[in-house]
Amino acid sequence: MPGEGEQLTGVSDNAYNLTSVLYHAAQGGTQYAKYIEDADKEGDQELADFFREVQQQDADRAKRARALLMDRQ
């Protein structure tokens, strides 16, 4: 039985959820670039490294969400 979101949009709830994860991971990866720049400007290597780490995690998450979404089309 389709969920309410699927009934309204024609997009499955799972496809919508994966798309949302993909979008937010990609958006976060872009935002982290600014955070990295700010930390580098202040000479805070530990913080810059942390932001690079979470940026990579979001990149990996986006790739996985995209692959899962493609598998379900």
Protein backbone atom coordinates (compact mmCIF):
# COMPACT_ATOMS: atom_id res chain seq x y z
CA MET A 1 0.00 0.00 0.00
CA PRO A 2 1.54 3.34 -1.02
CA GLY A 3 2.28 5.93 1.65
CA GLU A 4 0.61 9.32 1.70
CA GLY A 5 3.64 10.99 0.11
CA GLU A 6 3.64 8.52 -2.75
CA GLN A 7 -0.07 9.00 -3.29
CA LEU A 8 0.39 12.78 -3.49
CA THR A 9 3.54 12.91 -5.63
CA GLY A 10 3.76 9.65 -7.51
CA VAL A 11 7.25 9.21 -6.04
CA SER A 12 7.77 6.31 -3.67
CA ASP A 13 8.55 7.21 -0.08
CA ASN A 14 11.84 5.30 -0.34
CA ALA A 15 12.88 7.18 -3.49
CA TYR A 16 11.99 10.47 -1.83
CA ASN A 17 13.93 9.54 1.31
CA LEU A 18 17.02 8.53 -0.66
CA THR A 19 16.80 11.71 -2.70
CA SER A 20 16.62 13.72 0.50
CA VAL A 21 19.71 11.99 1.92
CA LEU A 22 21.55 12.58 -1.36
CA TYR A 23 20.59 16.26 -1.42
CA HIS A 24 21.56 16.94 2.17
CA ALA A 25 24.86 15.07 1.88
CA ALA A 26 25.76 17.00 -1.27
CA GLN A 27 24.71 20.29 0.30
CA GLY A 28 26.72 19.55 3.44
CA GLY A 29 29.79 18.73 1.40
CA THR A 30 29.61 22.12 -0.25
CA GLN A 31 29.11 23.93 3.05
CA TYR A 32 32.05 22.15 4.67
CA ALA A 33 34.37 23.73 2.10
CA LYS A 34 33.62 27.11 3.70
CA TYR A 35 34.19 25.68 7.18
CA ILE A 36 37.54 24.25 6.06
CA GLU A 37 38.55 27.59 4.59
CA ASP A 38 37.62 29.38 7.83
CA ALA A 39 39.58 26.91 9.98
CA ASP A 40 42.60 27.16 7.66
CA LYS A 41 42.50 30.96 7.83
CA GLU A 42 42.61 30.76 11.63
CA GLY A 43 45.40 28.18 11.54
CA ASP A 44 43.26 25.53 13.27
CA GLN A 45 44.54 22.39 11.53
CA GLU A 46 42.68 20.04 13.87
CA LEU A 47 39.35 21.65 13.03
CA ALA A 48 40.14 21.83 9.31
CA ASP A 49 40.99 18.11 9.35
CA PHE A 50 37.73 17.36 11.17
CA PHE A 51 35.71 19.24 8.55
CA ARG A 52 37.58 17.43 5.77
CA GLU A 53 36.71 14.13 7.45
CA VAL A 54 32.99 14.90 7.66
CA GLN A 55 33.07 16.31 4.12
CA GLN A 56 34.44 12.96 2.92
CA GLN A 57 31.81 11.09 4.92
CA ASP A 58 29.08 13.14 3.25
CA ALA A 59 30.64 12.52 -0.18
CA ASP A 60 30.62 8.78 0.53
CA ARG A 61 27.04 8.99 1.80
CA ALA A 62 25.94 10.88 -1.32
CA LYS A 63 27.57 8.29 -3.59
CA ARG A 64 25.90 5.43 -1.75
CA ALA A 65 22.48 7.13 -1.76
CA ARG A 66 22.84 7.81 -5.49
CA ALA A 67 23.75 4.17 -6.19
CA LEU A 68 20.83 2.91 -4.10
CA LEU A 69 18.48 5.29 -5.87
CA MET A 70 19.71 4.21 -9.32
CA ASP A 71 19.26 0.54 -8.36
CA ARG A 72 15.60 1.19 -7.61
CA GLN A 73 14.59 2.91 -10.85
